[in-house]
Amino acid sequence: MVVCGPSLQILSLNAKFPGNSHDAYVIRQSGIWQRLRSRQGQDMWLLGDRGYPCTPWLMTPYRKPRPGPQTAFNSALTATRQLVERTIGVLKGRFRVLHRTGGDIMYSPEMASKIVVLCAILHNIAVRSRVELPQTEELPDEEPGVGRRYGGGSVSRSGSQVRAHIVEEYFS
């Protein structure tokens, strides 16, 4: 799980779970879940995809948006979330060991997790220092179809109410 800022800096990272762990499970096991739950109502939100639960502080897209404001909300959320995908792409481009074309990390899961965290720390230092990425060929997409374990994201009553308010306030 990665939370990033607008300059591609990594604000939070959870590398303790394998890639096939479901997003909703991983975020509930992270410290950010408890921190943000305690700060509800402060007009701040994380943006997640459909794999995350919709909560008052974690906005996810509508599963079946109605034309108009809900569709506009989904489009804006998806466009903004591209920042996370770009950050992960830059991280993998900077540290090829994190991309499958760089080979497998042949260490224990605990050591592999430490390597991922170290790469994220070095990435943040590079971002702050404005170190440019080396010119490399386009990285191929990761393997599609990796299974997910655990359940999908859910919509809490208060999460859906907050999302509806945002749609009404900003997209109507």
N, C-alpha and C. Protein backbone atom coordinates (compact mmCIF):
# COMPACT_ATOMS: atom_id res chain seq x y z
N MET A 1 0.85 -1.16 0.00
CA MET A 1 0.00 0.00 0.00
C MET A 1 0.90 1.23 0.00
N VAL A 2 0.57 2.17 -0.88
CA VAL A 2 1.35 3.39 -1.00
C VAL A 2 0.42 4.59 -0.94
N VAL A 3 0.78 5.58 -0.13
CA VAL A 3 0.12 6.88 -0.12
C VAL A 3 1.18 7.86 -0.57
N CYS A 4 0.85 8.68 -1.59
CA CYS A 4 1.85 9.60 -2.09
C CYS A 4 1.32 11.02 -2.13
N GLY A 5 2.26 11.95 -2.24
CA GLY A 5 1.92 13.36 -2.33
C GLY A 5 2.03 13.85 -3.76
N PRO A 6 1.71 15.10 -4.00
CA PRO A 6 1.65 15.63 -5.36
C PRO A 6 2.98 15.70 -6.09
N SER A 7 4.08 15.66 -5.36
CA SER A 7 5.41 15.72 -5.99
C SER A 7 6.02 14.33 -6.14
N LEU A 8 5.20 13.30 -6.10
CA LEU A 8 5.61 11.90 -6.20
C LEU A 8 6.38 11.40 -4.98
N GLN A 9 6.30 12.14 -3.88
CA GLN A 9 6.93 11.66 -2.65
C GLN A 9 6.03 10.60 -2.01
N ILE A 10 6.63 9.66 -1.35
CA ILE A 10 5.89 8.59 -0.68
C ILE A 10 5.66 9.02 0.76
N LEU A 11 4.39 9.15 1.13
CA LEU A 11 4.02 9.62 2.47
C LEU A 11 3.79 8.46 3.44
N SER A 12 3.35 7.34 2.90
CA SER A 12 3.11 6.15 3.73
C SER A 12 3.28 4.93 2.84
N LEU A 13 3.85 3.91 3.41
CA LEU A 13 4.11 2.68 2.67
C LEU A 13 3.94 1.51 3.60
N ASN A 14 3.25 0.49 3.14
CA ASN A 14 3.13 -0.75 3.90
C ASN A 14 3.59 -1.87 2.98
N ALA A 15 4.76 -2.42 3.25
CA ALA A 15 5.34 -3.46 2.42
C ALA A 15 5.39 -4.80 3.14
N LYS A 16 4.53 -4.98 4.15
CA LYS A 16 4.57 -6.19 4.96
C LYS A 16 3.79 -7.35 4.36
N PHE A 17 2.98 -7.08 3.34
CA PHE A 17 2.10 -8.10 2.80
C PHE A 17 2.47 -8.41 1.36
N PRO A 18 2.25 -9.66 0.92
CA PRO A 18 2.54 -10.00 -0.47
C PRO A 18 1.60 -9.26 -1.42
N GLY A 19 2.00 -9.17 -2.68
CA GLY A 19 1.24 -8.42 -3.67
C GLY A 19 -0.17 -8.92 -3.90
N ASN A 20 -0.45 -10.16 -3.54
CA ASN A 20 -1.80 -10.67 -3.77
C ASN A 20 -2.72 -10.45 -2.57
N SER A 21 -2.25 -9.74 -1.55
CA SER A 21 -3.11 -9.38 -0.42
C SER A 21 -4.06 -8.28 -0.86
N HIS A 22 -5.30 -8.35 -0.42
CA HIS A 22 -6.27 -7.37 -0.86
C HIS A 22 -6.03 -6.02 -0.20
N ASP A 23 -6.25 -4.95 -0.97
CA ASP A 23 -6.03 -3.58 -0.49
C ASP A 23 -6.80 -3.29 0.80
N ALA A 24 -8.06 -3.72 0.85
CA ALA A 24 -8.90 -3.44 2.03
C ALA A 24 -8.31 -4.09 3.28
N TYR A 25 -7.75 -5.28 3.13
CA TYR A 25 -7.13 -5.96 4.26
C TYR A 25 -5.86 -5.23 4.69
N VAL A 26 -5.03 -4.87 3.71
CA VAL A 26 -3.75 -4.23 4.01
C VAL A 26 -3.95 -2.90 4.72
N ILE A 27 -4.87 -2.07 4.23
CA ILE A 27 -5.05 -0.75 4.86
C ILE A 27 -5.58 -0.88 6.28
N ARG A 28 -6.41 -1.89 6.52
CA ARG A 28 -6.92 -2.08 7.89
C ARG A 28 -5.83 -2.53 8.86
N GLN A 29 -4.75 -3.08 8.33
CA GLN A 29 -3.64 -3.52 9.17
C GLN A 29 -2.59 -2.42 9.34
N SER A 30 -2.78 -1.28 8.70
CA SER A 30 -1.76 -0.24 8.72
C SER A 30 -2.06 0.81 9.79
N GLY A 31 -1.03 1.52 10.17
CA GLY A 31 -1.17 2.59 11.14
C GLY A 31 -1.98 3.76 10.60
N ILE A 32 -1.96 3.94 9.29
CA ILE A 32 -2.69 5.07 8.71
C ILE A 32 -4.20 4.91 8.90
N TRP A 33 -4.68 3.68 8.97
CA TRP A 33 -6.11 3.42 9.19
C TRP A 33 -6.56 4.05 10.51
N GLN A 34 -5.84 3.75 11.58
CA GLN A 34 -6.20 4.27 12.90
C GLN A 34 -6.02 5.79 12.97
N ARG A 35 -4.93 6.30 12.41
CA ARG A 35 -4.67 7.74 12.45
C ARG A 35 -5.77 8.52 11.74
N LEU A 36 -6.17 8.07 10.57
CA LEU A 36 -7.18 8.81 9.83
C LEU A 36 -8.59 8.61 10.40
N ARG A 37 -8.85 7.45 10.95
CA ARG A 37 -10.16 7.24 11.59
C ARG A 37 -10.36 8.22 12.74
N SER A 38 -9.30 8.52 13.46
CA SER A 38 -9.41 9.43 14.60
C SER A 38 -9.52 10.89 14.17
N ARG A 39 -9.26 11.18 12.91
CA ARG A 39 -9.29 12.56 12.42
C ARG A 39 -10.48 12.81 11.50
N GLN A 40 -11.53 12.00 11.58
CA GLN A 40 -12.71 12.15 10.73
C GLN A 40 -13.30 13.55 10.89
N GLY A 41 -13.90 14.03 9.82
CA GLY A 41 -14.57 15.31 9.87
C GLY A 41 -13.65 16.50 9.70
N GLN A 42 -12.41 16.27 9.34
CA GLN A 42 -11.46 17.37 9.18
C GLN A 42 -11.25 17.73 7.71
N ASP A 43 -12.20 17.36 6.87
CA ASP A 43 -12.14 17.67 5.44
C ASP A 43 -10.81 17.28 4.80
N MET A 44 -10.41 16.05 5.04
CA MET A 44 -9.24 15.50 4.38
C MET A 44 -9.56 14.07 4.01
N TRP A 45 -9.13 13.67 2.82
CA TRP A 45 -9.47 12.35 2.35
C TRP A 45 -8.29 11.72 1.62
N LEU A 46 -8.20 10.43 1.76
CA LEU A 46 -7.37 9.63 0.88
C LEU A 46 -8.25 9.21 -0.27
N LEU A 47 -7.64 8.94 -1.41
CA LEU A 47 -8.38 8.45 -2.56
C LEU A 47 -7.93 7.02 -2.82
N GLY A 48 -8.89 6.14 -3.03
CA GLY A 48 -8.57 4.75 -3.28
C GLY A 48 -9.36 4.22 -4.46
N ASP A 49 -8.96 3.07 -4.94
CA ASP A 49 -9.72 2.43 -6.01
C ASP A 49 -10.81 1.57 -5.41
N ARG A 50 -11.46 0.79 -6.23
CA ARG A 50 -12.60 -0.02 -5.77
C ARG A 50 -12.21 -1.11 -4.77
N GLY A 51 -10.93 -1.38 -4.63
CA GLY A 51 -10.49 -2.39 -3.69
C GLY A 51 -10.52 -1.95 -2.24
N TYR A 52 -10.67 -0.64 -2.03
CA TYR A 52 -10.70 -0.10 -0.68
C TYR A 52 -12.13 0.17 -0.24
N PRO A 53 -12.36 0.17 1.06
CA PRO A 53 -13.71 0.52 1.55
C PRO A 53 -13.91 2.03 1.47
N CYS A 54 -15.13 2.45 1.21
CA CYS A 54 -15.46 3.87 1.22
C CYS A 54 -15.79 4.24 2.67
N THR A 55 -15.01 5.16 3.23
CA THR A 55 -15.20 5.60 4.61
C THR A 55 -15.27 7.12 4.61
N PRO A 56 -15.55 7.74 5.75
CA PRO A 56 -15.59 9.20 5.77
C PRO A 56 -14.25 9.87 5.40
N TRP A 57 -13.16 9.16 5.47
CA TRP A 57 -11.85 9.72 5.15
C TRP A 57 -11.14 9.03 3.98
N LEU A 58 -11.79 8.04 3.39
CA LEU A 58 -11.22 7.30 2.25
C LEU A 58 -12.28 7.23 1.16
N MET A 59 -12.10 8.03 0.12
CA MET A 59 -13.08 8.11 -0.95
C MET A 59 -12.73 7.12 -2.06
N THR A 60 -13.73 6.39 -2.49
CA THR A 60 -13.59 5.42 -3.57
C THR A 60 -14.62 5.74 -4.64
N PRO A 61 -14.41 5.24 -5.86
CA PRO A 61 -15.37 5.55 -6.92
C PRO A 61 -16.71 4.82 -6.71
N TYR A 62 -17.74 5.38 -7.31
CA TYR A 62 -19.04 4.70 -7.34
C TYR A 62 -18.89 3.46 -8.22
N ARG A 63 -19.48 2.37 -7.78
CA ARG A 63 -19.41 1.13 -8.57
C ARG A 63 -20.24 1.25 -9.85
N LYS A 64 -21.40 1.84 -9.75
CA LYS A 64 -22.28 2.04 -10.92
C LYS A 64 -22.74 3.50 -10.89
N PRO A 65 -21.87 4.42 -11.34
CA PRO A 65 -22.22 5.84 -11.24
C PRO A 65 -23.36 6.22 -12.18
N ARG A 66 -24.21 7.10 -11.69
CA ARG A 66 -25.24 7.66 -12.55
C ARG A 66 -24.59 8.72 -13.43
N PRO A 67 -25.11 8.93 -14.63
CA PRO A 67 -24.56 9.99 -15.48
C PRO A 67 -24.65 11.33 -14.78
N GLY A 68 -23.70 12.19 -15.03
CA GLY A 68 -23.69 13.51 -14.42
C GLY A 68 -22.67 13.60 -13.30
N PRO A 69 -23.08 14.12 -12.13
CA PRO A 69 -22.13 14.38 -11.03
C PRO A 69 -21.37 13.13 -10.56
N GLN A 70 -22.04 11.99 -10.44
CA GLN A 70 -21.32 10.79 -9.96
C GLN A 70 -20.26 10.35 -10.97
N THR A 71 -20.57 10.44 -12.26
CA THR A 71 -19.59 10.09 -13.29
C THR A 71 -18.44 11.08 -13.28
N ALA A 72 -18.75 12.37 -13.10
CA ALA A 72 -17.70 13.39 -13.02
C ALA A 72 -16.80 13.15 -11.80
N PHE A 73 -17.41 12.78 -10.66
CA PHE A 73 -16.64 12.46 -9.45
C PHE A 73 -15.69 11.30 -9.74
N ASN A 74 -16.22 10.23 -10.33
CA ASN A 74 -15.37 9.07 -10.64
C ASN A 74 -14.21 9.45 -11.56
N SER A 75 -14.48 10.28 -12.56
CA SER A 75 -13.43 10.70 -13.50
C SER A 75 -12.36 11.51 -12.78
N ALA A 76 -12.77 12.43 -11.92
CA ALA A 76 -11.81 13.25 -11.18
C ALA A 76 -10.99 12.39 -10.21
N LEU A 77 -11.65 11.46 -9.53
CA LEU A 77 -10.95 10.58 -8.60
C LEU A 77 -9.93 9.73 -9.35
N THR A 78 -10.33 9.16 -10.46
CA THR A 78 -9.44 8.31 -11.25
C THR A 78 -8.25 9.11 -11.77
N ALA A 79 -8.50 10.32 -12.27
CA ALA A 79 -7.41 11.15 -12.77
C ALA A 79 -6.43 11.50 -11.66
N THR A 80 -6.94 11.80 -10.48
CA THR A 80 -6.08 12.15 -9.35
C THR A 80 -5.30 10.93 -8.87
N ARG A 81 -5.93 9.77 -8.88
CA ARG A 81 -5.26 8.55 -8.43
C ARG A 81 -4.11 8.14 -9.36
N GLN A 82 -4.10 8.65 -10.59
CA GLN A 82 -3.00 8.34 -11.50
C GLN A 82 -1.65 8.76 -10.92
N LEU A 83 -1.68 9.71 -10.01
CA LEU A 83 -0.46 10.14 -9.33
C LEU A 83 0.19 8.99 -8.58
N VAL A 84 -0.62 8.16 -7.95
CA VAL A 84 -0.09 6.99 -7.23
C VAL A 84 0.55 6.02 -8.22
N GLU A 85 -0.14 5.76 -9.33
CA GLU A 85 0.41 4.84 -10.34
C GLU A 85 1.72 5.39 -10.90
N ARG A 86 1.76 6.69 -11.13
CA ARG A 86 2.99 7.30 -11.63
C ARG A 86 4.11 7.19 -10.60
N THR A 87 3.80 7.43 -9.33
CA THR A 87 4.81 7.32 -8.27
C THR A 87 5.38 5.91 -8.22
N ILE A 88 4.51 4.92 -8.28
CA ILE A 88 4.97 3.52 -8.25
C ILE A 88 5.82 3.23 -9.49
N GLY A 89 5.40 3.74 -10.64
CA GLY A 89 6.18 3.55 -11.86
C GLY A 89 7.57 4.18 -11.77
N VAL A 90 7.64 5.40 -11.21
CA VAL A 90 8.92 6.07 -11.03
C VAL A 90 9.79 5.29 -10.05
N LEU A 91 9.20 4.82 -8.97
CA LEU A 91 9.93 4.04 -7.98
C LEU A 91 10.53 2.78 -8.62
N LYS A 92 9.72 2.07 -9.40
CA LYS A 92 10.20 0.85 -10.08
C LYS A 92 11.23 1.17 -11.15
N GLY A 93 11.09 2.33 -11.80
CA GLY A 93 12.09 2.72 -12.79
C GLY A 93 13.41 3.11 -12.16
N ARG A 94 13.33 3.71 -11.01
CA ARG A 94 14.54 4.14 -10.28
C ARG A 94 15.26 2.94 -9.67
N PHE A 95 14.49 1.96 -9.19
CA PHE A 95 15.05 0.78 -8.53
C PHE A 95 14.49 -0.46 -9.21
N ARG A 96 15.22 -0.93 -10.22
CA ARG A 96 14.72 -2.02 -11.06
C ARG A 96 14.50 -3.31 -10.28
N VAL A 97 15.11 -3.44 -9.13
CA VAL A 97 14.89 -4.63 -8.32
C VAL A 97 13.42 -4.76 -7.93
N LEU A 98 12.67 -3.64 -7.94
CA LEU A 98 11.26 -3.66 -7.58
C LEU A 98 10.36 -4.03 -8.76
N HIS A 99 10.92 -4.07 -9.96
CA HIS A 99 10.14 -4.44 -11.15
C HIS A 99 10.54 -5.84 -11.57
N ARG A 100 9.58 -6.57 -12.09
CA ARG A 100 9.87 -7.97 -12.43
C ARG A 100 10.97 -8.12 -13.47
N THR A 101 11.21 -7.09 -14.31
CA THR A 101 12.29 -7.19 -15.29
C THR A 101 13.65 -7.10 -14.63
N GLY A 102 13.69 -6.65 -13.39
CA GLY A 102 14.96 -6.55 -12.66
C GLY A 102 15.33 -7.85 -11.97
N GLY A 103 14.50 -8.86 -12.08
CA GLY A 103 14.75 -10.13 -11.43
C GLY A 103 13.98 -10.22 -10.12
N ASP A 104 13.97 -11.37 -9.56
CA ASP A 104 13.27 -11.57 -8.30
C ASP A 104 14.16 -11.16 -7.13
N ILE A 105 13.54 -10.68 -6.09
CA ILE A 105 14.27 -10.39 -4.85
C ILE A 105 14.41 -11.73 -4.14
N MET A 106 15.61 -12.24 -4.09
CA MET A 106 15.87 -13.58 -3.57
C MET A 106 16.23 -13.55 -2.09
N TYR A 107 15.34 -12.96 -1.30
CA TYR A 107 15.55 -12.87 0.13
C TYR A 107 14.28 -13.30 0.83
N SER A 108 14.37 -13.42 2.13
CA SER A 108 13.19 -13.74 2.92
C SER A 108 12.16 -12.63 2.76
N PRO A 109 10.89 -12.91 3.02
CA PRO A 109 9.88 -11.85 2.94
C PRO A 109 10.21 -10.65 3.84
N GLU A 110 10.77 -10.90 5.00
CA GLU A 110 11.12 -9.80 5.89
C GLU A 110 12.20 -8.91 5.29
N MET A 111 13.23 -9.53 4.70
CA MET A 111 14.31 -8.76 4.07
C MET A 111 13.79 -8.07 2.81
N ALA A 112 12.95 -8.73 2.04
CA ALA A 112 12.37 -8.11 0.84
C ALA A 112 11.56 -6.87 1.22
N SER A 113 10.82 -6.95 2.32
CA SER A 113 10.05 -5.81 2.80
C SER A 113 10.98 -4.66 3.16
N LYS A 114 12.10 -4.96 3.80
CA LYS A 114 13.07 -3.92 4.16
C LYS A 114 13.68 -3.28 2.91
N ILE A 115 13.91 -4.07 1.87
CA ILE A 115 14.45 -3.54 0.62
C ILE A 115 13.46 -2.57 -0.01
N VAL A 116 12.19 -2.93 -0.01
CA VAL A 116 11.15 -2.05 -0.58
C VAL A 116 11.11 -0.73 0.20
N VAL A 117 11.13 -0.80 1.52
CA VAL A 117 11.09 0.41 2.34
C VAL A 117 12.33 1.25 2.09
N LEU A 118 13.49 0.64 2.02
CA LEU A 118 14.73 1.37 1.76
C LEU A 118 14.66 2.07 0.40
N CYS A 119 14.16 1.38 -0.61
CA CYS A 119 14.01 2.00 -1.93
C CYS A 119 13.08 3.21 -1.85
N ALA A 120 12.00 3.12 -1.07
CA ALA A 120 11.08 4.24 -0.92
C ALA A 120 11.76 5.42 -0.23
N ILE A 121 12.56 5.15 0.79
CA ILE A 121 13.29 6.22 1.48
C ILE A 121 14.27 6.90 0.52
N LEU A 122 15.01 6.10 -0.22
CA LEU A 122 15.96 6.66 -1.19
C LEU A 122 15.23 7.43 -2.29
N HIS A 123 14.08 6.94 -2.70
CA HIS A 123 13.25 7.64 -3.69
C HIS A 123 12.86 9.02 -3.16
N ASN A 124 12.40 9.09 -1.91
CA ASN A 124 12.01 10.38 -1.32
C ASN A 124 13.20 11.35 -1.26
N ILE A 125 14.37 10.83 -0.93
CA ILE A 125 15.57 11.67 -0.92
C ILE A 125 15.84 12.19 -2.32
N ALA A 126 15.71 11.32 -3.31
CA ALA A 126 15.94 11.73 -4.70
C ALA A 126 14.91 12.76 -5.15
N VAL A 127 13.65 12.60 -4.75
CA VAL A 127 12.61 13.57 -5.11
C VAL A 127 12.93 14.93 -4.48
N ARG A 128 13.24 14.93 -3.18
CA ARG A 128 13.57 16.18 -2.50
C ARG A 128 14.81 16.85 -3.10
N SER A 129 15.75 16.05 -3.54
CA SER A 129 16.99 16.58 -4.12
C SER A 129 16.86 16.85 -5.61
N ARG A 130 15.69 16.58 -6.17
CA ARG A 130 15.39 16.79 -7.59
C ARG A 130 16.33 15.99 -8.49
N VAL A 131 16.63 14.77 -8.09
CA VAL A 131 17.44 13.88 -8.91
C VAL A 131 16.54 13.33 -10.02
N GLU A 132 16.96 13.52 -11.25
CA GLU A 132 16.16 13.05 -12.38
C GLU A 132 16.34 11.56 -12.55
N LEU A 133 15.31 10.96 -13.11
CA LEU A 133 15.40 9.54 -13.44
C LEU A 133 16.35 9.35 -14.61
N PRO A 134 17.12 8.26 -14.60
CA PRO A 134 17.93 7.98 -15.79
C PRO A 134 17.01 7.68 -16.97
N GLN A 135 17.43 8.05 -18.17
CA GLN A 135 16.63 7.77 -19.36
C GLN A 135 16.68 6.27 -19.62
N THR A 136 15.52 5.64 -19.51
CA THR A 136 15.44 4.20 -19.73
C THR A 136 14.27 3.91 -20.64
N GLU A 137 14.27 2.71 -21.17
CA GLU A 137 13.15 2.31 -22.00
C GLU A 137 11.90 2.18 -21.14
N GLU A 138 10.76 2.22 -21.79
CA GLU A 138 9.48 2.08 -21.09
C GLU A 138 9.43 0.71 -20.41
N LEU A 139 9.08 0.68 -19.14
CA LEU A 139 8.96 -0.58 -18.43
C LEU A 139 7.69 -1.30 -18.89
N PRO A 140 7.78 -2.59 -19.17
CA PRO A 140 6.57 -3.32 -19.53
C PRO A 140 5.64 -3.42 -18.33
N ASP A 141 4.35 -3.58 -18.61
CA ASP A 141 3.38 -3.71 -17.54
C ASP A 141 3.68 -4.95 -16.72
N GLU A 142 3.29 -4.88 -15.46
CA GLU A 142 3.42 -6.04 -14.59
C GLU A 142 2.47 -7.13 -15.07
N GLU A 143 2.67 -8.32 -14.60
CA GLU A 143 1.80 -9.42 -15.00
C GLU A 143 0.36 -9.14 -14.63
N PRO A 144 -0.55 -9.22 -15.58
CA PRO A 144 -1.96 -9.01 -15.27
C PRO A 144 -2.55 -10.22 -14.57
N GLY A 145 -3.66 -9.99 -13.92
CA GLY A 145 -4.42 -11.11 -13.37
C GLY A 145 -3.90 -11.68 -12.08
N VAL A 146 -3.10 -10.94 -11.34
CA VAL A 146 -2.66 -11.44 -10.04
C VAL A 146 -3.88 -11.49 -9.14
N GLY A 147 -4.13 -12.63 -8.54
CA GLY A 147 -5.32 -12.80 -7.72
C GLY A 147 -5.28 -11.96 -6.46
N ARG A 148 -6.42 -11.67 -5.93
CA ARG A 148 -6.52 -10.94 -4.67
C ARG A 148 -7.17 -11.84 -3.64
N ARG A 149 -6.67 -11.76 -2.42
CA ARG A 149 -7.27 -12.51 -1.34
C ARG A 149 -8.12 -11.59 -0.50
N TYR A 150 -8.91 -12.17 0.34
CA TYR A 150 -9.79 -11.46 1.24
C TYR A 150 -10.91 -10.79 0.45
N GLY A 151 -11.78 -10.10 1.12
CA GLY A 151 -12.94 -9.51 0.46
C GLY A 151 -12.63 -8.21 -0.22
N GLY A 152 -13.56 -7.74 -1.04
CA GLY A 152 -13.41 -6.46 -1.72
C GLY A 152 -13.73 -5.33 -0.76
N GLY A 153 -13.60 -4.14 -1.27
CA GLY A 153 -13.91 -2.96 -0.47
C GLY A 153 -15.40 -2.87 -0.22
N SER A 154 -15.77 -2.21 0.82
CA SER A 154 -17.18 -2.04 1.14
C SER A 154 -17.46 -0.55 1.31
N VAL A 155 -18.71 -0.21 1.31
CA VAL A 155 -19.10 1.18 1.49
C VAL A 155 -19.79 1.30 2.83
N SER A 156 -19.20 2.08 3.74
CA SER A 156 -19.85 2.29 5.02
C SER A 156 -20.92 3.35 4.83
N ARG A 157 -21.93 3.30 5.67
CA ARG A 157 -23.02 4.27 5.55
C ARG A 157 -22.51 5.69 5.63
N SER A 158 -21.67 5.98 6.59
CA SER A 158 -21.17 7.35 6.71
C SER A 158 -20.20 7.69 5.58
N GLY A 159 -19.44 6.71 5.09
CA GLY A 159 -18.55 6.94 3.95
C GLY A 159 -19.33 7.31 2.70
N SER A 160 -20.43 6.60 2.45
CA SER A 160 -21.24 6.92 1.27
C SER A 160 -21.92 8.27 1.44
N GLN A 161 -22.27 8.63 2.67
CA GLN A 161 -22.88 9.95 2.90
C GLN A 161 -21.87 11.07 2.65
N VAL A 162 -20.64 10.90 3.09
CA VAL A 162 -19.60 11.90 2.85
C VAL A 162 -19.34 12.02 1.36
N ARG A 163 -19.24 10.88 0.68
CA ARG A 163 -19.01 10.90 -0.77
C ARG A 163 -20.14 11.61 -1.49
N ALA A 164 -21.38 11.33 -1.11
CA ALA A 164 -22.54 11.99 -1.73
C ALA A 164 -22.49 13.50 -1.50
N HIS A 165 -22.06 13.92 -0.30
CA HIS A 165 -21.93 15.35 -0.01
C HIS A 165 -20.87 15.99 -0.89
N ILE A 166 -19.74 15.32 -1.08
CA ILE A 166 -18.68 15.85 -1.94
C ILE A 166 -19.20 15.99 -3.37
N VAL A 167 -19.90 14.98 -3.85
CA VAL A 167 -20.45 15.03 -5.20
C VAL A 167 -21.43 16.20 -5.33
N GLU A 168 -22.30 16.35 -4.37
CA GLU A 168 -23.29 17.43 -4.39
C GLU A 168 -22.60 18.80 -4.34
N GLU A 169 -21.61 18.93 -3.48
CA GLU A 169 -20.94 20.21 -3.27
C GLU A 169 -20.05 20.63 -4.44
N TYR A 170 -19.32 19.66 -5.03
CA TYR A 170 -18.31 20.01 -6.00
C TYR A 170 -18.59 19.57 -7.43
N PHE A 171 -19.52 18.66 -7.65
CA PHE A 171 -19.73 18.11 -8.99
C PHE A 171 -21.12 18.33 -9.55
N SER A 172 -22.01 18.96 -8.80
CA SER A 172 -23.37 19.20 -9.30
C SER A 172 -23.47 20.55 -9.98
